[in-house]
C-alpha atoms as a PDB file:
ATOM      1  CA  MET A   1       2.041  37.308  -3.429  1.00  0.00           C
ATOM      2  CA  ALA A   2       0.834  33.727  -3.716  1.00  0.00           C
ATOM      3  CA  ARG A   3       0.904  31.647  -0.581  1.00  0.00           C
ATOM      4  CA  PRO A   4       3.412  28.770  -0.507  1.00  0.00           C
ATOM      5  CA  GLN A   5       2.049  25.247  -0.875  1.00  0.00           C
ATOM      6  CA  ASP A   6       0.387  23.873   2.243  1.00  0.00           C
ATOM      7  CA  LEU A   7       2.694  21.089   3.407  1.00  0.00           C
ATOM      8  CA  PHE A   8       0.115  19.714   5.866  1.00  0.00           C
ATOM      9  CA  PRO A   9      -3.248  19.669   4.051  1.00  0.00           C
ATOM     10  CA  THR A  10      -6.177  18.869   6.350  1.00  0.00           C
ATOM     11  CA  ARG A  11      -9.902  19.595   6.893  1.00  0.00           C
ATOM     12  CA  LEU A  12     -10.483  18.239   3.401  1.00  0.00           C
ATOM     13  CA  GLU A  13     -13.583  17.045   1.553  1.00  0.00           C
ATOM     14  CA  ARG A  14     -11.923  13.742   0.677  1.00  0.00           C
ATOM     15  CA  LYS A  15      -9.751  11.517   2.814  1.00  0.00           C
ATOM     16  CA  LEU A  16      -5.982  11.466   2.352  1.00  0.00           C
ATOM     17  CA  GLY A  17      -3.768   8.854   3.930  1.00  0.00           C
ATOM     18  CA  MET A  18      -1.387   9.714   6.739  1.00  0.00           C
ATOM     19  CA  PHE A  19       2.192  10.497   5.789  1.00  0.00           C
ATOM     20  CA  GLU A  20       5.554  10.787   7.519  1.00  0.00           C
ATOM     21  CA  ARG A  21       6.239  14.152   9.115  1.00  0.00           C
ATOM     22  CA  LEU A  22       8.487  16.598   7.281  1.00  0.00           C
ATOM     23  CA  ASP A  23      10.024  18.346  10.304  1.00  0.00           C
ATOM     24  CA  PRO A  24      12.365  16.917  12.943  1.00  0.00           C
ATOM     25  CA  VAL A  25      10.898  16.028  16.344  1.00  0.00           C
ATOM     26  CA  VAL A  26      14.034  17.219  18.137  1.00  0.00           C
ATOM     27  CA  HIS A  27      15.478  20.304  16.459  1.00  0.00           C
ATOM     28  CA  THR A  28      18.830  20.311  18.254  1.00  0.00           C
ATOM     29  CA  PRO A  29      21.720  18.925  16.133  1.00  0.00           C
ATOM     30  CA  SER A  30      22.960  15.495  17.197  1.00  0.00           C
ATOM     31  CA  GLU A  31      26.315  16.834  18.387  1.00  0.00           C
ATOM     32  CA  ARG A  32      24.528  19.093  20.905  1.00  0.00           C
ATOM     33  CA  LEU A  33      21.811  16.737  22.194  1.00  0.00           C
ATOM     34  CA  SER A  34      22.977  16.960  25.798  1.00  0.00           C
ATOM     35  CA  ASP A  35      23.496  20.746  25.816  1.00  0.00           C
ATOM     36  CA  GLY A  36      20.816  21.375  28.423  1.00  0.00           C
ATOM     37  CA  PRO A  37      19.054  19.839  31.433  1.00  0.00           C
ATOM     38  CA  LEU A  38      18.101  16.655  29.554  1.00  0.00           C
ATOM     39  CA  SER A  39      20.562  13.848  28.947  1.00  0.00           C
ATOM     40  CA  ALA A  40      21.155  12.631  25.397  1.00  0.00           C
ATOM     41  CA  LYS A  41      19.175   9.489  26.334  1.00  0.00           C
ATOM     42  CA  GLN A  42      16.155  11.558  27.380  1.00  0.00           C
ATOM     43  CA  VAL A  43      16.321  13.632  24.206  1.00  0.00           C
ATOM     44  CA  ARG A  44      16.413  10.465  22.093  1.00  0.00           C
ATOM     45  CA  GLU A  45      13.415   9.125  24.046  1.00  0.00           C
ATOM     46  CA  PHE A  46      11.446  12.261  23.235  1.00  0.00           C
ATOM     47  CA  ASP A  47      12.475  11.927  19.597  1.00  0.00           C
ATOM     48  CA  GLU A  48      11.346   8.289  19.437  1.00  0.00           C
ATOM     49  CA  ARG A  49       8.211   8.374  21.607  1.00  0.00           C
ATOM     50  CA  GLY A  50       6.994  11.957  21.307  1.00  0.00           C
ATOM     51  CA  PHE A  51       6.774  12.684  25.032  1.00  0.00           C
ATOM     52  CA  LEU A  52       8.582  12.586  28.363  1.00  0.00           C
ATOM     53  CA  PHE A  53       7.156  12.115  31.864  1.00  0.00           C
ATOM     54  CA  PHE A  54       8.695  13.466  35.079  1.00  0.00           C
ATOM     55  CA  ASP A  55       7.162  12.276  38.346  1.00  0.00           C
ATOM     56  CA  SER A  56       7.045  15.164  40.873  1.00  0.00           C
ATOM     57  CA  PHE A  57       8.980  17.570  38.644  1.00  0.00           C
ATOM     58  CA  PHE A  58       7.782  20.295  41.024  1.00  0.00           C
ATOM     59  CA  SER A  59       7.503  19.590  44.754  1.00  0.00           C
ATOM     60  CA  LYS A  60       4.228  19.670  46.694  1.00  0.00           C
ATOM     61  CA  ASP A  61       5.340  22.829  48.492  1.00  0.00           C
ATOM     62  CA  GLU A  62       6.011  24.513  45.140  1.00  0.00           C
ATOM     63  CA  MET A  63       2.539  23.566  43.892  1.00  0.00           C
ATOM     64  CA  ASP A  64       0.429  24.478  46.941  1.00  0.00           C
ATOM     65  CA  GLY A  65      -0.030  28.139  45.967  1.00  0.00           C
ATOM     66  CA  PHE A  66      -1.020  27.246  42.412  1.00  0.00           C
ATOM     67  CA  ILE A  67      -3.526  24.637  43.589  1.00  0.00           C
ATOM     68  CA  LYS A  68      -5.153  27.110  45.986  1.00  0.00           C
ATOM     69  CA  GLU A  69      -5.475  29.660  43.198  1.00  0.00           C
ATOM     70  CA  LEU A  70      -7.125  27.073  40.952  1.00  0.00           C
ATOM     71  CA  LYS A  71      -9.727  26.315  43.602  1.00  0.00           C
ATOM     72  CA  ASP A  72     -10.514  30.021  43.859  1.00  0.00           C
ATOM     73  CA  TYR A  73     -11.148  30.161  40.099  1.00  0.00           C
ATOM     74  CA  GLU A  74     -13.720  27.363  40.337  1.00  0.00           C
ATOM     75  CA  ASP A  75     -15.919  29.630  42.494  1.00  0.00           C
ATOM     76  CA  ASP A  76     -15.359  32.827  40.470  1.00  0.00           C
ATOM     77  CA  ASP A  77     -18.681  33.606  38.753  1.00  0.00           C
ATOM     78  CA  ASP A  78     -17.191  36.524  36.799  1.00  0.00           C
ATOM     79  CA  LEU A  79     -14.488  34.266  35.378  1.00  0.00           C
ATOM     80  CA  LYS A  80     -17.147  31.809  34.222  1.00  0.00           C
ATOM     81  CA  LEU A  81     -18.610  34.586  32.045  1.00  0.00           C
ATOM     82  CA  SER A  82     -15.286  35.268  30.321  1.00  0.00           C
ATOM     83  CA  GLU A  83     -14.948  34.234  26.664  1.00  0.00           C
ATOM     84  CA  GLY A  84     -11.775  32.341  27.545  1.00  0.00           C
ATOM     85  CA  THR A  85     -13.610  30.136  30.046  1.00  0.00           C
ATOM     86  CA  ILE A  86     -15.255  27.054  28.551  1.00  0.00           C
ATOM     87  CA  LEU A  87     -18.042  25.322  30.478  1.00  0.00           C
ATOM     88  CA  GLU A  88     -19.036  21.682  30.161  1.00  0.00           C
ATOM     89  CA  PRO A  89     -21.866  21.255  27.616  1.00  0.00           C
ATOM     90  CA  GLY A  90     -25.182  22.055  29.303  1.00  0.00           C
ATOM     91  CA  LYS A  91     -23.579  22.491  32.718  1.00  0.00           C
ATOM     92  CA  GLU A  92     -22.073  25.150  34.981  1.00  0.00           C
ATOM     93  CA  GLU A  93     -18.845  23.257  35.666  1.00  0.00           C
ATOM     94  CA  ILE A  94     -15.665  24.718  34.169  1.00  0.00           C
ATOM     95  CA  ARG A  95     -14.090  22.585  31.420  1.00  0.00           C
ATOM     96  CA  SER A  96     -11.162  24.862  30.514  1.00  0.00           C
ATOM     97  CA  ILE A  97      -9.750  28.289  31.321  1.00  0.00           C
ATOM     98  CA  PHE A  98      -7.617  29.688  28.502  1.00  0.00           C
ATOM     99  CA  GLY A  99      -4.993  32.408  28.790  1.00  0.00           C
ATOM    100  CA  ILE A 100      -4.227  31.515  32.405  1.00  0.00           C
ATOM    101  CA  HIS A 101      -0.785  33.167  32.187  1.00  0.00           C
ATOM    102  CA  ASP A 102      -2.533  36.448  31.284  1.00  0.00           C
ATOM    103  CA  ILE A 103      -4.933  36.124  34.216  1.00  0.00           C
ATOM    104  CA  SER A 104      -2.426  35.231  36.920  1.00  0.00           C
ATOM    105  CA  GLU A 105       1.029  36.665  37.623  1.00  0.00           C
ATOM    106  CA  ARG A 106       1.862  33.464  39.515  1.00  0.00           C
ATOM    107  CA  PHE A 107       1.145  31.303  36.457  1.00  0.00           C
ATOM    108  CA  ASP A 108       2.881  33.774  34.154  1.00  0.00           C
ATOM    109  CA  ARG A 109       6.083  33.356  36.177  1.00  0.00           C
ATOM    110  CA  LEU A 110       5.690  29.589  36.013  1.00  0.00           C
ATOM    111  CA  THR A 111       5.839  29.718  32.197  1.00  0.00           C
ATOM    112  CA  ARG A 112       9.373  31.096  32.642  1.00  0.00           C
ATOM    113  CA  ASP A 113      10.597  28.652  35.270  1.00  0.00           C
ATOM    114  CA  ALA A 114      14.286  28.260  34.427  1.00  0.00           C
ATOM    115  CA  HIS A 115      14.442  24.455  34.572  1.00  0.00           C
ATOM    116  CA  LEU A 116      11.275  24.005  32.521  1.00  0.00           C
ATOM    117  CA  LEU A 117      12.130  26.666  29.972  1.00  0.00           C
ATOM    118  CA  ASN A 118      15.642  25.359  29.434  1.00  0.00           C
ATOM    119  CA  ILE A 119      14.261  21.891  28.648  1.00  0.00           C
ATOM    120  CA  VAL A 120      11.881  23.387  26.096  1.00  0.00           C
ATOM    121  CA  ARG A 121      14.627  25.407  24.453  1.00  0.00           C
ATOM    122  CA  GLN A 122      16.875  22.346  24.377  1.00  0.00           C
ATOM    123  CA  LEU A 123      14.269  20.313  22.440  1.00  0.00           C
ATOM    124  CA  LEU A 124      13.236  23.095  20.056  1.00  0.00           C
ATOM    125  CA  ASP A 125      16.767  24.544  19.716  1.00  0.00           C
ATOM    126  CA  SER A 126      15.283  28.006  19.833  1.00  0.00           C
ATOM    127  CA  ASP A 127      13.994  30.814  21.968  1.00  0.00           C
ATOM    128  CA  VAL A 128      10.282  30.383  22.562  1.00  0.00           C
ATOM    129  CA  TYR A 129       7.105  32.244  23.463  1.00  0.00           C
ATOM    130  CA  ILE A 130       3.722  31.132  24.793  1.00  0.00           C
ATOM    131  CA  HIS A 131       1.347  30.240  21.974  1.00  0.00           C
ATOM    132  CA  GLN A 132      -1.449  29.196  24.351  1.00  0.00           C
ATOM    133  CA  SER A 133      -2.006  28.394  28.014  1.00  0.00           C
ATOM    134  CA  ARG A 134      -4.960  26.722  29.692  1.00  0.00           C
ATOM    135  CA  ILE A 135      -6.234  24.710  32.616  1.00  0.00           C
ATOM    136  CA  ASN A 136      -8.355  21.644  31.876  1.00  0.00           C
ATOM    137  CA  TYR A 137     -10.701  20.674  34.695  1.00  0.00           C
ATOM    138  CA  LYS A 138     -12.447  17.341  35.176  1.00  0.00           C
ATOM    139  CA  PRO A 139     -14.691  17.399  38.241  1.00  0.00           C
ATOM    140  CA  GLY A 140     -15.516  14.064  39.839  1.00  0.00           C
ATOM    141  CA  PHE A 141     -18.331  12.158  38.082  1.00  0.00           C
ATOM    142  CA  LYS A 142     -18.968  15.098  35.715  1.00  0.00           C
ATOM    143  CA  GLY A 143     -15.767  15.773  33.782  1.00  0.00           C
ATOM    144  CA  LYS A 144     -16.035  14.922  30.097  1.00  0.00           C
ATOM    145  CA  GLY A 145     -13.284  13.574  27.876  1.00  0.00           C
ATOM    146  CA  PHE A 146     -11.239  15.007  25.017  1.00  0.00           C
ATOM    147  CA  ASN A 147     -11.256  13.137  21.687  1.00  0.00           C
ATOM    148  CA  TRP A 148      -8.071  11.871  20.029  1.00  0.00           C
ATOM    149  CA  HIS A 149      -6.276  14.649  18.181  1.00  0.00           C
ATOM    150  CA  SER A 150      -2.978  16.202  17.173  1.00  0.00           C
ATOM    151  CA  ASP A 151      -2.635  19.739  18.501  1.00  0.00           C
ATOM    152  CA  PHE A 152      -0.611  20.714  15.449  1.00  0.00           C
ATOM    153  CA  GLU A 153      -3.459  19.731  13.122  1.00  0.00           C
ATOM    154  CA  THR A 154      -5.683  22.343  14.781  1.00  0.00           C
ATOM    155  CA  TRP A 155      -2.979  24.982  15.250  1.00  0.00           C
ATOM    156  CA  HIS A 156      -1.943  24.641  11.592  1.00  0.00           C
ATOM    157  CA  SER A 157      -5.454  24.643  10.160  1.00  0.00           C
ATOM    158  CA  GLU A 158      -7.201  27.142  12.437  1.00  0.00           C
ATOM    159  CA  ASP A 159      -4.278  29.288  13.664  1.00  0.00           C
ATOM    160  CA  GLY A 160      -1.775  29.229  10.801  1.00  0.00           C
ATOM    161  CA  MET A 161       1.149  27.591  12.645  1.00  0.00           C
ATOM    162  CA  PRO A 162       3.397  26.791   9.679  1.00  0.00           C
ATOM    163  CA  ARG A 163       5.670  23.982  10.933  1.00  0.00           C
ATOM    164  CA  MET A 164       6.051  21.418  13.706  1.00  0.00           C
ATOM    165  CA  ARG A 165       8.348  23.322  16.045  1.00  0.00           C
ATOM    166  CA  SER A 166       6.208  23.540  19.140  1.00  0.00           C
ATOM    167  CA  LEU A 167       5.457  21.465  22.225  1.00  0.00           C
ATOM    168  CA  SER A 168       3.181  21.334  25.263  1.00  0.00           C
ATOM    169  CA  CYS A 169       4.054  21.058  28.938  1.00  0.00           C
ATOM    170  CA  SER A 170       1.250  19.565  31.023  1.00  0.00           C
ATOM    171  CA  ILE A 171       1.688  20.070  34.772  1.00  0.00           C
ATOM    172  CA  VAL A 172      -0.424  17.854  37.000  1.00  0.00           C
ATOM    173  CA  MET A 173      -2.405  19.956  39.502  1.00  0.00           C
ATOM    174  CA  THR A 174      -4.344  17.157  41.217  1.00  0.00           C
ATOM    175  CA  ASP A 175      -3.553  13.463  41.462  1.00  0.00           C
ATOM    176  CA  ASN A 176      -3.849  11.840  38.023  1.00  0.00           C
ATOM    177  CA  ASN A 177      -4.802   8.185  38.316  1.00  0.00           C
ATOM    178  CA  GLU A 178      -6.290   5.492  36.089  1.00  0.00           C
ATOM    179  CA  PHE A 179      -9.832   6.327  37.213  1.00  0.00           C
ATOM    180  CA  ASN A 180     -10.166  10.106  36.789  1.00  0.00           C
ATOM    181  CA  GLY A 181      -9.437  10.509  33.081  1.00  0.00           C
ATOM    182  CA  PRO A 182      -5.658  11.010  32.824  1.00  0.00           C
ATOM    183  CA  LEU A 183      -4.001  12.267  29.653  1.00  0.00           C
ATOM    184  CA  MET A 184      -3.456   9.393  27.198  1.00  0.00           C
ATOM    185  CA  LEU A 185      -0.827   9.450  24.442  1.00  0.00           C
ATOM    186  CA  ILE A 186       0.124   7.178  21.532  1.00  0.00           C
ATOM    187  CA  PRO A 187       3.922   6.726  21.581  1.00  0.00           C
ATOM    188  CA  GLY A 188       5.515   7.257  18.173  1.00  0.00           C
ATOM    189  CA  SER A 189       2.431   8.891  16.665  1.00  0.00           C
ATOM    190  CA  GLN A 190       4.310  12.185  16.300  1.00  0.00           C
ATOM    191  CA  LYS A 191       6.136  10.661  13.327  1.00  0.00           C
ATOM    192  CA  TYR A 192       3.043  10.834  11.109  1.00  0.00           C
ATOM    193  CA  PHE A 193       0.634  13.566  10.057  1.00  0.00           C
ATOM    194  CA  ILE A 194      -2.973  12.483   9.608  1.00  0.00           C
ATOM    195  CA  PRO A 195      -5.082  14.764   7.377  1.00  0.00           C
ATOM    196  CA  CYS A 196      -8.638  15.062   8.689  1.00  0.00           C
ATOM    197  CA  VAL A 197     -11.901  15.271   6.768  1.00  0.00           C
ATOM    198  CA  GLY A 198     -14.448  18.089   6.991  1.00  0.00           C
ATOM    199  CA  ARG A 199     -14.416  21.801   6.193  1.00  0.00           C
ATOM    200  CA  THR A 200     -13.920  24.112   9.173  1.00  0.00           C
ATOM    201  CA  PRO A 201     -16.864  26.462   9.830  1.00  0.00           C
ATOM    202  CA  GLU A 202     -16.257  29.995  11.057  1.00  0.00           C
ATOM    203  CA  ASP A 203     -15.897  30.234  14.833  1.00  0.00           C
ATOM    204  CA  ASN A 204     -15.524  26.469  15.057  1.00  0.00           C
ATOM    205  CA  TYR A 205     -13.751  26.882  18.398  1.00  0.00           C
ATOM    206  CA  LYS A 206     -17.032  27.805  20.106  1.00  0.00           C
ATOM    207  CA  GLU A 207     -18.183  24.207  19.664  1.00  0.00           C
ATOM    208  CA  SER A 208     -14.912  22.292  19.355  1.00  0.00           C
ATOM    209  CA  LEU A 209     -13.630  23.407  22.770  1.00  0.00           C
ATOM    210  CA  LYS A 210     -16.695  21.796  24.352  1.00  0.00           C
ATOM    211  CA  SER A 211     -16.810  18.696  22.167  1.00  0.00           C
ATOM    212  CA  GLN A 212     -14.412  18.117  19.274  1.00  0.00           C
ATOM    213  CA  ASP A 213     -15.662  16.466  16.098  1.00  0.00           C
ATOM    214  CA  LEU A 214     -13.537  18.138  13.405  1.00  0.00           C
ATOM    215  CA  GLY A 215      -9.808  17.494  13.457  1.00  0.00           C
ATOM    216  CA  VAL A 216     -10.254  13.954  14.801  1.00  0.00           C
ATOM    217  CA  PRO A 217      -8.135  11.313  13.001  1.00  0.00           C
ATOM    218  CA  ASP A 218      -9.924   8.484  11.219  1.00  0.00           C
ATOM    219  CA  ALA A 219     -10.417   5.176  13.007  1.00  0.00           C
ATOM    220  CA  ALA A 220      -8.227   3.179  10.597  1.00  0.00           C
ATOM    221  CA  SER A 221      -5.189   5.442  11.161  1.00  0.00           C
ATOM    222  CA  LEU A 222      -5.712   5.435  14.928  1.00  0.00           C
ATOM    223  CA  THR A 223      -6.054   1.654  14.963  1.00  0.00           C
ATOM    224  CA  ARG A 224      -2.816   1.183  13.042  1.00  0.00           C
ATOM    225  CA  LEU A 225      -0.861   3.468  15.376  1.00  0.00           C
ATOM    226  CA  MET A 226      -2.388   1.951  18.516  1.00  0.00           C
ATOM    227  CA  ASP A 227      -1.683  -1.602  17.318  1.00  0.00           C
ATOM    228  CA  GLU A 228       1.914  -0.679  16.561  1.00  0.00           C
ATOM    229  CA  ASN A 229       2.627   1.469  19.629  1.00  0.00           C
ATOM    230  CA  ALA A 230      -0.149   0.909  22.229  1.00  0.00           C
ATOM    231  CA  ILE A 231      -1.467   3.719  24.464  1.00  0.00           C
ATOM    232  CA  GLU A 232       0.171   5.144  27.567  1.00  0.00           C
ATOM    233  CA  ALA A 233      -1.350   7.253  30.348  1.00  0.00           C
ATOM    234  CA  PRO A 234       1.308   8.772  32.635  1.00  0.00           C
ATOM    235  CA  LYS A 235       0.015   9.108  36.187  1.00  0.00           C
ATOM    236  CA  GLY A 236       1.400  10.934  39.175  1.00  0.00           C
ATOM    237  CA  PRO A 237       0.893  13.399  42.035  1.00  0.00           C
ATOM    238  CA  PRO A 238       0.604  17.192  41.767  1.00  0.00           C
ATOM    239  CA  GLY A 239       3.747  18.701  40.304  1.00  0.00           C
ATOM    240  CA  SER A 240       4.354  15.857  37.853  1.00  0.00           C
ATOM    241  CA  LEU A 241       5.103  16.935  34.286  1.00  0.00           C
ATOM    242  CA  ILE A 242       4.343  15.595  30.811  1.00  0.00           C
ATOM    243  CA  ILE A 243       6.154  17.216  27.883  1.00  0.00           C
ATOM    244  CA  PHE A 244       4.715  16.175  24.534  1.00  0.00           C
ATOM    245  CA  GLU A 245       5.446  17.133  20.947  1.00  0.00           C
ATOM    246  CA  CYS A 246       2.874  19.201  19.045  1.00  0.00           C
ATOM    247  CA  ASN A 247       1.943  16.334  16.697  1.00  0.00           C
ATOM    248  CA  THR A 248       1.749  13.541  19.299  1.00  0.00           C
ATOM    249  CA  LEU A 249      -1.765  12.085  19.282  1.00  0.00           C
ATOM    250  CA  HIS A 250      -3.452  12.361  22.663  1.00  0.00           C
ATOM    251  CA  GLY A 251      -6.848  12.472  24.348  1.00  0.00           C
ATOM    252  CA  SER A 252      -8.506  11.597  27.632  1.00  0.00           C
ATOM    253  CA  ASN A 253     -11.527   9.754  28.926  1.00  0.00           C
ATOM    254  CA  VAL A 254     -14.414  10.889  31.098  1.00  0.00           C
ATOM    255  CA  ASN A 255     -13.857  11.128  34.839  1.00  0.00           C
ATOM    256  CA  MET A 256     -15.876   8.241  36.291  1.00  0.00           C
ATOM    257  CA  SER A 257     -14.387   8.638  39.762  1.00  0.00           C
ATOM    258  CA  CYS A 258     -15.154  10.948  42.671  1.00  0.00           C
ATOM    259  CA  TRP A 259     -11.665  12.483  42.419  1.00  0.00           C
ATOM    260  CA  PRO A 260     -11.264  15.675  40.350  1.00  0.00           C
ATOM    261  CA  ARG A 261      -8.514  15.901  37.758  1.00  0.00           C
ATOM    262  CA  SER A 262      -6.954  19.226  36.787  1.00  0.00           C
ATOM    263  CA  ASN A 263      -3.995  19.716  34.473  1.00  0.00           C
ATOM    264  CA  LEU A 264      -2.221  22.918  33.484  1.00  0.00           C
ATOM    265  CA  PHE A 265      -0.961  23.295  29.896  1.00  0.00           C
ATOM    266  CA  PHE A 266       1.674  25.684  28.566  1.00  0.00           C
ATOM    267  CA  VAL A 267       2.200  25.595  24.797  1.00  0.00           C
ATOM    268  CA  TYR A 268       5.637  26.821  23.741  1.00  0.00           C
ATOM    269  CA  ASN A 269       6.309  27.788  20.126  1.00  0.00           C
ATOM    270  CA  SER A 270       9.625  28.658  18.496  1.00  0.00           C
ATOM    271  CA  VAL A 271      10.130  32.342  17.717  1.00  0.00           C
ATOM    272  CA  HIS A 272      11.039  31.098  14.208  1.00  0.00           C
ATOM    273  CA  ASN A 273       7.596  29.494  13.797  1.00  0.00           C
ATOM    274  CA  THR A 274       5.207  32.401  14.343  1.00  0.00           C
ATOM    275  CA  LEU A 275       1.636  32.237  13.103  1.00  0.00           C
ATOM    276  CA  GLU A 276       0.517  33.002   9.575  1.00  0.00           C
ATOM    277  CA  GLU A 277      -3.036  33.251   8.261  1.00  0.00           C
ATOM    278  CA  PRO A 278      -5.106  30.140   9.116  1.00  0.00           C
ATOM    279  CA  TYR A 279      -4.666  27.454   6.482  1.00  0.00           C
ATOM    280  CA  CYS A 280      -8.383  26.588   6.618  1.00  0.00           C
ATOM    281  CA  GLY A 281      -9.109  30.013   5.128  1.00  0.00           C
ATOM    282  CA  ASN A 282     -11.109  31.368   8.067  1.00  0.00           C
ATOM    283  CA  LYS A 283     -10.380  34.438  10.142  1.00  0.00           C
ATOM    284  CA  PRO A 284      -7.878  33.946  13.000  1.00  0.00           C
ATOM    285  CA  ARG A 285      -9.140  32.565  16.295  1.00  0.00           C
ATOM    286  CA  PRO A 286      -9.185  34.855  19.364  1.00  0.00           C
ATOM    287  CA  GLU A 287      -5.963  35.861  21.054  1.00  0.00           C
ATOM    288  CA  PHE A 288      -6.641  33.698  24.132  1.00  0.00           C
ATOM    289  CA  LEU A 289      -6.380  30.634  21.850  1.00  0.00           C
ATOM    290  CA  ALA A 290      -3.569  31.717  19.551  1.00  0.00           C
ATOM    291  CA  ASN A 291      -1.085  34.401  20.596  1.00  0.00           C
ATOM    292  CA  ARG A 292      -0.215  36.771  17.745  1.00  0.00           C
ATOM    293  CA  LYS A 293       0.678  39.883  19.746  1.00  0.00           C
ATOM    294  CA  ASN A 294       3.397  39.026  22.260  1.00  0.00           C
ATOM    295  CA  MET A 295       6.062  36.846  20.706  1.00  0.00           C
ATOM    296  CA  GLU A 296       9.030  38.188  22.642  1.00  0.00           C
ATOM    297  CA  PRO A 297      11.354  35.356  23.749  1.00  0.00           C
ATOM    298  CA  LEU A 298      10.662  34.204  27.295  1.00  0.00           C
ATOM    299  CA  LYS A 299      13.427  34.889  29.822  1.00  0.00           C
ATOM    300  CA  PRO A 300      13.992  32.287  32.544  1.00  0.00           C
ATOM    301  CA  VAL A 301      13.280  33.112  36.187  1.00  0.00           C
ATOM    302  CA  ARG A 302      14.200  31.240  39.357  1.00  0.00           C
ATOM    303  CA  ASN A 303      11.725  30.159  42.026  1.00  0.00           C
ATOM    304  CA  PRO A 304       8.445  31.086  40.255  1.00  0.00           C
END
């Protein structure tokens, strides 16, 4: 059977202009916007800006055990040899650990925190599962940046995510300030899809997770969106939370300070939006990057 038309063509040989997204940002019908932890005002803010920030969403006491576990991982030589652990280019410092919810029971329970999960389900109007989880490290003076990108562009092209019905929750694990490379987002950028230029080689993830060149929007499109909407970098203490839509453009700078920056990411996908074959035509990426096996709806738990 022929594959349906690709609604989000990208990784092309010739440049196409950006176009307005086809899917809603908030999937909940207008008459039920406040059916959940978020107020109707907060839901409309997410719809308009593409992200929400919650200072100290989790308390320091709630985060202490997670932070200790993260520090243990930094000294785990066996973990550094795992395929799901990405090191900084040419260095021994950890850049990212993928599949953290599969490694740690503590982090697995956190994916199902009742308050967090109910917010996600409110925005996506659906049961959800974990598409991907990871920790991004940025050690002081050594942590590299992440180029501007839309997560959906990669997940669609390289993983076969069909539609924009997914979001990320970034939980701050160490103080995020203006000096240590905080997450930066372009408000309103989720409203447009930007096709990117360049064919995707097989096993592109082996290079792109260290330094991304493919799947980076063109400078003219970025300039237009930045001029219209500026750039914001939410900052806060451990336990703060950023929820951002799968197509919201984001990136981060190098860490030029002495203070490390670590953020935890849980990617939630609707159970009605499960992965197909990658639209770039390559074989699927590994399971630690794109979950295809366990798509059972997450059940909320209290006190993770």
